[in-house]
Every structure is written in structure tokens, then in C-alpha cells.
């Protein structure tokens, strides 16, 4: 999931808001100095109705990208998942035979 409403934060905010499962990547922009790009990975162990709980866990330190593994959802089910301020960037679904 990609956050659609976040601006990149400055150095001071990043240092104050580090979380255990969040990774910070320093990105250099031409003529703008360094900025940080935050990712958050969660082994969600079955997404189901946990989207709201996930958002409340991330508040107020939202990351730019969420990576959710072991979601146990089918391809079309993932398109229907709505997480506030995020849109689905890509997905992987294991084919069940």
C-alpha cells in the first residue's frame, strides 16, 4: 500500500518517531537536500477486518509505504481492501490448486 497523503518528513521528526518495524531510507533530491522515505512491514497473519486496527496502530507516525505479508486474501479481495490515505500499489497472491 502506498500512502497518498503524506509529505516527506524532516530529520528532527524522523529521529523522534522511530518505530520498531519501520525502515527509513535517505533519499537525495537535486537542489532540495536529503529527505526520508519510510516503509512499514507487517506480517498481518490474515488481513480480514484488521485494516482499521492497523491504521490506529500506525497513528500518528504514518509511513509512505505499507508492506503486508501473509494477508490470506484472494486477488479480487485485495482490490476491495480500503486503508485510509493508502492505495494498493502491487500485490502477490499465491495460486491455490
PDB file of N, CA and C in Angstrom:
ATOM      1  N   UNK A   1       0.837  -1.157   0.000  1.00  0.00           N
ATOM      2  CA  UNK A   1       0.000   0.000   0.000  1.00  0.00           C
ATOM      3  C   UNK A   1       0.896   1.239   0.000  1.00  0.00           C
ATOM      4  N   UNK A   2       0.510   2.224  -0.747  1.00  0.00           N
ATOM      5  CA  UNK A   2       1.276   3.450  -0.850  1.00  0.00           C
ATOM      6  C   UNK A   2       0.460   4.589  -0.258  1.00  0.00           C
ATOM      7  N   UNK A   3       1.059   5.364   0.636  1.00  0.00           N
ATOM      8  CA  UNK A   3       0.368   6.462   1.291  1.00  0.00           C
ATOM      9  C   UNK A   3       0.198   7.607   0.307  1.00  0.00           C
ATOM     10  N   UNK A   4      -1.027   8.058   0.137  1.00  0.00           N
ATOM     11  CA  UNK A   4      -1.320   9.111  -0.834  1.00  0.00           C
ATOM     12  C   UNK A   4      -1.347  10.500  -0.203  1.00  0.00           C
ATOM     13  N   UNK A   5      -1.314  10.571   1.135  1.00  0.00           N
ATOM     14  CA  UNK A   5      -1.482  11.867   1.765  1.00  0.00           C
ATOM     15  C   UNK A   5      -0.296  12.367   2.562  1.00  0.00           C
ATOM     16  N   UNK A   6       0.815  11.662   2.542  1.00  0.00           N
ATOM     17  CA  UNK A   6       1.956  12.059   3.367  1.00  0.00           C
ATOM     18  C   UNK A   6       2.978  12.857   2.601  1.00  0.00           C
ATOM     19  N   UNK A   7       3.498  13.868   3.231  1.00  0.00           N
ATOM     20  CA  UNK A   7       4.659  14.566   2.721  1.00  0.00           C
ATOM     21  C   UNK A   7       5.885  13.982   3.400  1.00  0.00           C
ATOM     22  N   UNK A   8       7.026  14.124   2.785  1.00  0.00           N
ATOM     23  CA  UNK A   8       8.248  13.612   3.377  1.00  0.00           C
ATOM     24  C   UNK A   8       8.609  14.454   4.587  1.00  0.00           C
ATOM     25  N   UNK A   9       9.009  13.788   5.678  1.00  0.00           N
ATOM     26  CA  UNK A   9       9.298  14.487   6.920  1.00  0.00           C
ATOM     27  C   UNK A   9      10.755  14.912   6.990  1.00  0.00           C
ATOM     28  N   UNK A  10      11.044  15.856   7.881  1.00  0.00           N
ATOM     29  CA  UNK A  10      12.414  16.309   8.047  1.00  0.00           C
ATOM     30  C   UNK A  10      13.154  15.464   9.080  1.00  0.00           C
ATOM     31  N   UNK A  11      14.454  15.695   9.204  1.00  0.00           N
ATOM     32  CA  UNK A  11      15.337  14.932  10.081  1.00  0.00           C
ATOM     33  C   UNK A  11      14.846  14.860  11.523  1.00  0.00           C
ATOM     34  N   UNK A  12      14.449  15.981  12.114  1.00  0.00           N
ATOM     35  CA  UNK A  12      14.064  16.035  13.519  1.00  0.00           C
ATOM     36  C   UNK A  12      12.849  15.155  13.795  1.00  0.00           C
ATOM     37  N   UNK A  13      11.853  15.203  12.929  1.00  0.00           N
ATOM     38  CA  UNK A  13      10.652  14.386  13.124  1.00  0.00           C
ATOM     39  C   UNK A  13      10.965  12.909  13.005  1.00  0.00           C
ATOM     40  N   UNK A  14      11.828  12.530  12.080  1.00  0.00           N
ATOM     41  CA  UNK A  14      12.182  11.128  11.894  1.00  0.00           C
ATOM     42  C   UNK A  14      12.856  10.582  13.147  1.00  0.00           C
ATOM     43  N   UNK A  15      13.800  11.286  13.692  1.00  0.00           N
ATOM     44  CA  UNK A  15      14.534  10.803  14.850  1.00  0.00           C
ATOM     45  C   UNK A  15      13.629  10.650  16.061  1.00  0.00           C
ATOM     46  N   UNK A  16      12.613  11.482  16.196  1.00  0.00           N
ATOM     47  CA  UNK A  16      11.712  11.413  17.334  1.00  0.00           C
ATOM     48  C   UNK A  16      10.680  10.301  17.193  1.00  0.00           C
ATOM     49  N   UNK A  17      10.390   9.861  15.988  1.00  0.00           N
ATOM     50  CA  UNK A  17       9.258   8.958  15.787  1.00  0.00           C
ATOM     51  C   UNK A  17       9.644   7.584  15.264  1.00  0.00           C
ATOM     52  N   UNK A  18      10.846   7.126  15.501  1.00  0.00           N
ATOM     53  CA  UNK A  18      11.247   5.797  15.022  1.00  0.00           C
ATOM     54  C   UNK A  18      10.416   4.711  15.688  1.00  0.00           C
ATOM     55  N   UNK A  19       9.981   3.733  14.900  1.00  0.00           N
ATOM     56  CA  UNK A  19       9.246   2.589  15.410  1.00  0.00           C
ATOM     57  C   UNK A  19      10.011   1.324  15.064  1.00  0.00           C
ATOM     58  N   UNK A  20       9.742   0.266  15.785  1.00  0.00           N
ATOM     59  CA  UNK A  20      10.481  -0.987  15.660  1.00  0.00           C
ATOM     60  C   UNK A  20      10.470  -1.566  14.253  1.00  0.00           C
ATOM     61  N   UNK A  21       9.311  -1.634  13.600  1.00  0.00           N
ATOM     62  CA  UNK A  21       9.192  -2.286  12.295  1.00  0.00           C
ATOM     63  C   UNK A  21       9.234  -1.311  11.126  1.00  0.00           C
ATOM     64  N   UNK A  22       9.627  -0.083  11.357  1.00  0.00           N
ATOM     65  CA  UNK A  22       9.656   0.920  10.298  1.00  0.00           C
ATOM     66  C   UNK A  22      11.083   1.116   9.830  1.00  0.00           C
ATOM     67  N   UNK A  23      11.283   1.127   8.517  1.00  0.00           N
ATOM     68  CA  UNK A  23      12.589   1.382   7.939  1.00  0.00           C
ATOM     69  C   UNK A  23      12.592   2.769   7.323  1.00  0.00           C
ATOM     70  N   UNK A  24      13.700   3.467   7.470  1.00  0.00           N
ATOM     71  CA  UNK A  24      13.834   4.813   6.942  1.00  0.00           C
ATOM     72  C   UNK A  24      14.928   4.807   5.883  1.00  0.00           C
ATOM     73  N   UNK A  25      14.639   5.346   4.734  1.00  0.00           N
ATOM     74  CA  UNK A  25      15.601   5.411   3.648  1.00  0.00           C
ATOM     75  C   UNK A  25      15.870   6.868   3.320  1.00  0.00           C
ATOM     76  N   UNK A  26      17.134   7.227   3.308  1.00  0.00           N
ATOM     77  CA  UNK A  26      17.505   8.605   2.985  1.00  0.00           C
ATOM     78  C   UNK A  26      17.533   8.748   1.471  1.00  0.00           C
ATOM     79  N   UNK A  27      16.845   9.740   0.959  1.00  0.00           N
ATOM     80  CA  UNK A  27      16.754   9.975  -0.477  1.00  0.00           C
ATOM     81  C   UNK A  27      17.311  11.362  -0.759  1.00  0.00           C
ATOM     82  N   UNK A  28      18.226  11.461  -1.678  1.00  0.00           N
ATOM     83  CA  UNK A  28      18.779  12.768  -2.050  1.00  0.00           C
ATOM     84  C   UNK A  28      18.006  13.329  -3.233  1.00  0.00           C
ATOM     85  N   UNK A  29      17.558  14.552  -3.097  1.00  0.00           N
ATOM     86  CA  UNK A  29      16.859  15.224  -4.173  1.00  0.00           C
ATOM     87  C   UNK A  29      17.732  16.378  -4.668  1.00  0.00           C
ATOM     88  N   UNK A  30      17.743  16.559  -5.953  1.00  0.00           N
ATOM     89  CA  UNK A  30      18.533  17.634  -6.540  1.00  0.00           C
ATOM     90  C   UNK A  30      18.011  18.980  -6.039  1.00  0.00           C
ATOM     91  N   UNK A  31      18.906  19.804  -5.506  1.00  0.00           N
ATOM     92  CA  UNK A  31      18.610  21.158  -5.022  1.00  0.00           C
ATOM     93  C   UNK A  31      17.618  21.212  -3.857  1.00  0.00           C
ATOM     94  N   UNK A  32      17.308  20.077  -3.241  1.00  0.00           N
ATOM     95  CA  UNK A  32      16.360  20.085  -2.126  1.00  0.00           C
ATOM     96  C   UNK A  32      16.937  19.448  -0.872  1.00  0.00           C
ATOM     97  N   UNK A  33      18.165  18.948  -0.925  1.00  0.00           N
ATOM     98  CA  UNK A  33      18.758  18.313   0.247  1.00  0.00           C
ATOM     99  C   UNK A  33      18.257  16.889   0.424  1.00  0.00           C
ATOM    100  N   UNK A  34      18.468  16.349   1.600  1.00  0.00           N
ATOM    101  CA  UNK A  34      18.082  14.965   1.895  1.00  0.00           C
ATOM    102  C   UNK A  34      16.689  14.904   2.506  1.00  0.00           C
ATOM    103  N   UNK A  35      15.945  13.894   2.138  1.00  0.00           N
ATOM    104  CA  UNK A  35      14.627  13.629   2.704  1.00  0.00           C
ATOM    105  C   UNK A  35      14.573  12.154   3.074  1.00  0.00           C
ATOM    106  N   UNK A  36      13.578  11.756   3.843  1.00  0.00           N
ATOM    107  CA  UNK A  36      13.453  10.366   4.260  1.00  0.00           C
ATOM    108  C   UNK A  36      12.187   9.745   3.690  1.00  0.00           C
ATOM    109  N   UNK A  37      12.332   8.480   3.349  1.00  0.00           N
ATOM    110  CA  UNK A  37      11.256   7.684   2.786  1.00  0.00           C
ATOM    111  C   UNK A  37      11.029   6.532   3.757  1.00  0.00           C
ATOM    112  N   UNK A  38       9.834   6.421   4.340  1.00  0.00           N
ATOM    113  CA  UNK A  38       9.575   5.425   5.377  1.00  0.00           C
ATOM    114  C   UNK A  38       8.752   4.263   4.836  1.00  0.00           C
ATOM    115  N   UNK A  39       9.172   3.047   5.201  1.00  0.00           N
ATOM    116  CA  UNK A  39       8.400   1.851   4.882  1.00  0.00           C
ATOM    117  C   UNK A  39       8.042   1.144   6.178  1.00  0.00           C
ATOM    118  N   UNK A  40       6.919   0.431   6.161  1.00  0.00           N
ATOM    119  CA  UNK A  40       6.471  -0.325   7.332  1.00  0.00           C
ATOM    120  C   UNK A  40       6.075  -1.706   6.856  1.00  0.00           C
ATOM    121  N   UNK A  41       6.655  -2.739   7.465  1.00  0.00           N
ATOM    122  CA  UNK A  41       6.333  -4.124   7.114  1.00  0.00           C
ATOM    123  C   UNK A  41       5.593  -4.765   8.276  1.00  0.00           C
ATOM    124  N   UNK A  42       4.511  -5.476   7.949  1.00  0.00           N
ATOM    125  CA  UNK A  42       3.755  -6.187   8.977  1.00  0.00           C
ATOM    126  C   UNK A  42       3.328  -7.540   8.442  1.00  0.00           C
ATOM    127  N   UNK A  43       3.686  -8.608   9.149  1.00  0.00           N
ATOM    128  CA  UNK A  43       3.142  -9.926   8.860  1.00  0.00           C
ATOM    129  C   UNK A  43       1.755  -9.928   9.502  1.00  0.00           C
ATOM    130  N   UNK A  44       0.746  -9.672   8.702  1.00  0.00           N
ATOM    131  CA  UNK A  44      -0.595  -9.392   9.197  1.00  0.00           C
ATOM    132  C   UNK A  44      -1.351 -10.657   9.618  1.00  0.00           C
ATOM    133  N   UNK A  45      -0.902 -11.831   9.157  1.00  0.00           N
ATOM    134  CA  UNK A  45      -1.479 -13.132   9.522  1.00  0.00           C
ATOM    135  C   UNK A  45      -2.999 -13.161   9.327  1.00  0.00           C
ATOM    136  N   UNK A  46      -3.424 -12.776   8.145  1.00  0.00           N
ATOM    137  CA  UNK A  46      -4.845 -12.753   7.823  1.00  0.00           C
ATOM    138  C   UNK A  46      -5.402 -11.353   7.961  1.00  0.00           C
ATOM    139  N   UNK A  47      -5.543 -10.667   6.855  1.00  0.00           N
ATOM    140  CA  UNK A  47      -5.959  -9.262   6.873  1.00  0.00           C
ATOM    141  C   UNK A  47      -7.387  -9.093   7.364  1.00  0.00           C
ATOM    142  N   UNK A  48      -8.314  -9.808   6.748  1.00  0.00           N
ATOM    143  CA  UNK A  48      -9.709  -9.758   7.171  1.00  0.00           C
ATOM    144  C   UNK A  48     -10.192  -8.370   7.526  1.00  0.00           C
ATOM    145  N   UNK A  49     -10.609  -8.169   8.763  1.00  0.00           N
ATOM    146  CA  UNK A  49     -11.134  -6.884   9.247  1.00  0.00           C
ATOM    147  C   UNK A  49     -10.088  -6.093  10.035  1.00  0.00           C
ATOM    148  N   UNK A  50      -8.811  -6.391   9.836  1.00  0.00           N
ATOM    149  CA  UNK A  50      -7.753  -5.756  10.627  1.00  0.00           C
ATOM    150  C   UNK A  50      -7.271  -4.418  10.072  1.00  0.00           C
ATOM    151  N   UNK A  51      -7.814  -3.945   8.974  1.00  0.00           N
ATOM    152  CA  UNK A  51      -7.334  -2.706   8.361  1.00  0.00           C
ATOM    153  C   UNK A  51      -7.484  -1.517   9.309  1.00  0.00           C
ATOM    154  N   UNK A  52      -8.609  -1.403   9.982  1.00  0.00           N
ATOM    155  CA  UNK A  52      -8.820  -0.307  10.925  1.00  0.00           C
ATOM    156  C   UNK A  52      -7.872  -0.371  12.103  1.00  0.00           C
ATOM    157  N   UNK A  53      -7.642  -1.569  12.598  1.00  0.00           N
ATOM    158  CA  UNK A  53      -6.705  -1.761  13.704  1.00  0.00           C
ATOM    159  C   UNK A  53      -5.292  -1.379  13.290  1.00  0.00           C
ATOM    160  N   UNK A  54      -4.928  -1.713  12.063  1.00  0.00           N
ATOM    161  CA  UNK A  54      -3.603  -1.380  11.545  1.00  0.00           C
ATOM    162  C   UNK A  54      -3.409   0.131  11.484  1.00  0.00           C
ATOM    163  N   UNK A  55      -4.395   0.852  10.991  1.00  0.00           N
ATOM    164  CA  UNK A  55      -4.299   2.311  10.890  1.00  0.00           C
ATOM    165  C   UNK A  55      -4.170   2.931  12.278  1.00  0.00           C
ATOM    166  N   UNK A  56      -4.914   2.444  13.253  1.00  0.00           N
ATOM    167  CA  UNK A  56      -4.817   3.008  14.597  1.00  0.00           C
ATOM    168  C   UNK A  56      -3.459   2.701  15.230  1.00  0.00           C
ATOM    169  N   UNK A  57      -2.850   1.599  14.859  1.00  0.00           N
ATOM    170  CA  UNK A  57      -1.510   1.256  15.351  1.00  0.00           C
ATOM    171  C   UNK A  57      -0.453   2.188  14.763  1.00  0.00           C
ATOM    172  N   UNK A  58      -0.615   2.578  13.524  1.00  0.00           N
ATOM    173  CA  UNK A  58       0.352   3.441  12.852  1.00  0.00           C
ATOM    174  C   UNK A  58       0.225   4.911  13.253  1.00  0.00           C
ATOM    175  N   UNK A  59      -0.954   5.323  13.686  1.00  0.00           N
ATOM    176  CA  UNK A  59      -1.220   6.723  14.010  1.00  0.00           C
ATOM    177  C   UNK A  59      -0.332   7.194  15.145  1.00  0.00           C
ATOM    178  N   UNK A  60       0.293   8.324  15.156  1.00  0.00           N
ATOM    179  CA  UNK A  60       0.293   9.391  14.166  1.00  0.00           C
ATOM    180  C   UNK A  60       1.484   9.316  13.216  1.00  0.00           C
ATOM    181  N   UNK A  61       2.308   8.279  13.329  1.00  0.00           N
ATOM    182  CA  UNK A  61       3.541   8.169  12.534  1.00  0.00           C
ATOM    183  C   UNK A  61       3.309   7.299  11.300  1.00  0.00           C
ATOM    184  N   UNK A  62       2.544   7.793  10.345  1.00  0.00           N
ATOM    185  CA  UNK A  62       2.243   7.034   9.145  1.00  0.00           C
ATOM    186  C   UNK A  62       3.480   6.935   8.259  1.00  0.00           C
ATOM    187  N   UNK A  63       3.674   5.782   7.654  1.00  0.00           N
ATOM    188  CA  UNK A  63       4.804   5.606   6.741  1.00  0.00           C
ATOM    189  C   UNK A  63       4.338   5.832   5.309  1.00  0.00           C
ATOM    190  N   UNK A  64       5.291   5.960   4.405  1.00  0.00           N
ATOM    191  CA  UNK A  64       4.977   6.199   2.996  1.00  0.00           C
ATOM    192  C   UNK A  64       4.486   4.928   2.308  1.00  0.00           C
ATOM    193  N   UNK A  65       5.012   3.776   2.711  1.00  0.00           N
ATOM    194  CA  UNK A  65       4.647   2.501   2.093  1.00  0.00           C
ATOM    195  C   UNK A  65       4.356   1.473   3.172  1.00  0.00           C
ATOM    196  N   UNK A  66       3.253   0.731   3.032  1.00  0.00           N
ATOM    197  CA  UNK A  66       2.950  -0.411   3.891  1.00  0.00           C
ATOM    198  C   UNK A  66       3.181  -1.679   3.102  1.00  0.00           C
ATOM    199  N   UNK A  67       3.868  -2.622   3.690  1.00  0.00           N
ATOM    200  CA  UNK A  67       4.045  -3.934   3.081  1.00  0.00           C
ATOM    201  C   UNK A  67       3.402  -4.954   4.010  1.00  0.00           C
ATOM    202  N   UNK A  68       2.323  -5.572   3.556  1.00  0.00           N
ATOM    203  CA  UNK A  68       1.596  -6.537   4.373  1.00  0.00           C
ATOM    204  C   UNK A  68       1.805  -7.932   3.812  1.00  0.00           C
ATOM    205  N   UNK A  69       2.357  -8.823   4.620  1.00  0.00           N
ATOM    206  CA  UNK A  69       2.598 -10.195   4.175  1.00  0.00           C
ATOM    207  C   UNK A  69       1.659 -11.146   4.907  1.00  0.00           C
ATOM    208  N   UNK A  70       1.487 -12.337   4.340  1.00  0.00           N
ATOM    209  CA  UNK A  70       0.584 -13.367   4.850  1.00  0.00           C
ATOM    210  C   UNK A  70      -0.818 -12.812   5.102  1.00  0.00           C
ATOM    211  N   UNK A  71      -1.348 -12.109   4.095  1.00  0.00           N
ATOM    212  CA  UNK A  71      -2.661 -11.469   4.220  1.00  0.00           C
ATOM    213  C   UNK A  71      -3.802 -12.460   4.064  1.00  0.00           C
ATOM    214  N   UNK A  72      -3.577 -13.620   3.460  1.00  0.00           N
ATOM    215  CA  UNK A  72      -4.592 -14.672   3.270  1.00  0.00           C
ATOM    216  C   UNK A  72      -5.822 -14.179   2.507  1.00  0.00           C
ATOM    217  N   UNK A  73      -5.604 -13.300   1.549  1.00  0.00           N
ATOM    218  CA  UNK A  73      -6.697 -12.767   0.736  1.00  0.00           C
ATOM    219  C   UNK A  73      -6.549 -13.267  -0.698  1.00  0.00           C
ATOM    220  N   UNK A  74      -7.664 -13.356  -1.392  1.00  0.00           N
ATOM    221  CA  UNK A  74      -7.640 -13.685  -2.812  1.00  0.00           C
ATOM    222  C   UNK A  74      -7.402 -12.413  -3.612  1.00  0.00           C
ATOM    223  N   UNK A  75      -7.058 -12.597  -4.889  1.00  0.00           N
ATOM    224  CA  UNK A  75      -6.691 -11.483  -5.765  1.00  0.00           C
ATOM    225  C   UNK A  75      -7.757 -10.385  -5.764  1.00  0.00           C
ATOM    226  N   UNK A  76      -9.002 -10.737  -5.988  1.00  0.00           N
ATOM    227  CA  UNK A  76     -10.081  -9.743  -6.050  1.00  0.00           C
ATOM    228  C   UNK A  76     -10.413  -9.160  -4.676  1.00  0.00           C
ATOM    229  N   UNK A  77     -10.214  -9.923  -3.610  1.00  0.00           N
ATOM    230  CA  UNK A  77     -10.466  -9.412  -2.266  1.00  0.00           C
ATOM    231  C   UNK A  77      -9.520  -8.258  -1.925  1.00  0.00           C
ATOM    232  N   UNK A  78      -8.279  -8.358  -2.395  1.00  0.00           N
ATOM    233  CA  UNK A  78      -7.299  -7.308  -2.105  1.00  0.00           C
ATOM    234  C   UNK A  78      -7.670  -5.976  -2.738  1.00  0.00           C
ATOM    235  N   UNK A  79      -8.324  -6.024  -3.900  1.00  0.00           N
ATOM    236  CA  UNK A  79      -8.754  -4.781  -4.546  1.00  0.00           C
ATOM    237  C   UNK A  79      -9.820  -4.052  -3.736  1.00  0.00           C
ATOM    238  N   UNK A  80     -10.550  -4.777  -2.910  1.00  0.00           N
ATOM    239  CA  UNK A  80     -11.631  -4.184  -2.129  1.00  0.00           C
ATOM    240  C   UNK A  80     -11.169  -3.662  -0.774  1.00  0.00           C
ATOM    241  N   UNK A  81      -9.947  -3.991  -0.371  1.00  0.00           N
ATOM    242  CA  UNK A  81      -9.430  -3.523   0.915  1.00  0.00           C
ATOM    243  C   UNK A  81      -9.173  -2.029   0.846  1.00  0.00           C
ATOM    244  N   UNK A  82      -9.693  -1.287   1.812  1.00  0.00           N
ATOM    245  CA  UNK A  82      -9.512   0.154   1.863  1.00  0.00           C
ATOM    246  C   UNK A  82      -8.808   0.514   3.177  1.00  0.00           C
ATOM    247  N   UNK A  83      -7.662   1.144   3.050  1.00  0.00           N
ATOM    248  CA  UNK A  83      -6.937   1.674   4.197  1.00  0.00           C
ATOM    249  C   UNK A  83      -6.787   3.160   3.959  1.00  0.00           C
ATOM    250  N   UNK A  84      -7.300   3.949   4.892  1.00  0.00           N
ATOM    251  CA  UNK A  84      -7.349   5.397   4.735  1.00  0.00           C
ATOM    252  C   UNK A  84      -5.974   5.982   4.389  1.00  0.00           C
ATOM    253  N   UNK A  85      -5.938   6.836   3.372  1.00  0.00           N
ATOM    254  CA  UNK A  85      -4.745   7.532   2.871  1.00  0.00           C
ATOM    255  C   UNK A  85      -3.768   6.628   2.118  1.00  0.00           C
ATOM    256  N   UNK A  86      -4.125   5.386   1.862  1.00  0.00           N
ATOM    257  CA  UNK A  86      -3.250   4.473   1.125  1.00  0.00           C
ATOM    258  C   UNK A  86      -3.991   3.923  -0.081  1.00  0.00           C
ATOM    259  N   UNK A  87      -3.225   3.610  -1.119  1.00  0.00           N
ATOM    260  CA  UNK A  87      -3.809   2.931  -2.272  1.00  0.00           C
ATOM    261  C   UNK A  87      -2.950   1.703  -2.556  1.00  0.00           C
ATOM    262  N   UNK A  88      -3.548   0.707  -3.171  1.00  0.00           N
ATOM    263  CA  UNK A  88      -2.855  -0.536  -3.479  1.00  0.00           C
ATOM    264  C   UNK A  88      -1.843  -0.302  -4.588  1.00  0.00           C
ATOM    265  N   UNK A  89      -0.565  -0.531  -4.303  1.00  0.00           N
ATOM    266  CA  UNK A  89       0.497  -0.332  -5.292  1.00  0.00           C
ATOM    267  C   UNK A  89       0.772  -1.601  -6.064  1.00  0.00           C
ATOM    268  N   UNK A  90       0.803  -2.731  -5.381  1.00  0.00           N
ATOM    269  CA  UNK A  90       1.064  -4.022  -6.018  1.00  0.00           C
ATOM    270  C   UNK A  90       0.607  -5.103  -5.055  1.00  0.00           C
ATOM    271  N   UNK A  91       0.471  -6.304  -5.581  1.00  0.00           N
ATOM    272  CA  UNK A  91       0.035  -7.418  -4.728  1.00  0.00           C
ATOM    273  C   UNK A  91       0.598  -8.716  -5.252  1.00  0.00           C
ATOM    274  N   UNK A  92       0.713  -9.657  -4.347  1.00  0.00           N
ATOM    275  CA  UNK A  92       1.099 -11.014  -4.712  1.00  0.00           C
ATOM    276  C   UNK A  92       0.135 -11.955  -4.012  1.00  0.00           C
ATOM    277  N   UNK A  93      -0.434 -12.850  -4.777  1.00  0.00           N
ATOM    278  CA  UNK A  93      -1.360 -13.830  -4.244  1.00  0.00           C
ATOM    279  C   UNK A  93      -0.920 -15.199  -4.710  1.00  0.00           C
ATOM    280  N   UNK A  94      -0.754 -16.101  -3.757  1.00  0.00           N
ATOM    281  CA  UNK A  94      -0.356 -17.467  -4.073  1.00  0.00           C
ATOM    282  C   UNK A  94      -1.515 -18.200  -4.729  1.00  0.00           C
ATOM    283  N   UNK A  95      -1.240 -18.891  -5.821  1.00  0.00           N
ATOM    284  CA  UNK A  95      -2.271 -19.668  -6.504  1.00  0.00           C
ATOM    285  C   UNK A  95      -2.525 -20.961  -5.724  1.00  0.00           C
ATOM    286  N   UNK A  96      -3.802 -21.211  -5.422  1.00  0.00           N
ATOM    287  CA  UNK A  96      -4.190 -22.409  -4.701  1.00  0.00           C
ATOM    288  C   UNK A  96      -4.704 -23.415  -5.706  1.00  0.00           C
ATOM    289  N   UNK A  97      -4.168 -24.617  -5.621  1.00  0.00           N
ATOM    290  CA  UNK A  97      -4.592 -25.664  -6.570  1.00  0.00           C
ATOM    291  C   UNK A  97      -5.488 -26.661  -5.928  1.00  0.00           C
TER     292      UNK A  97
END
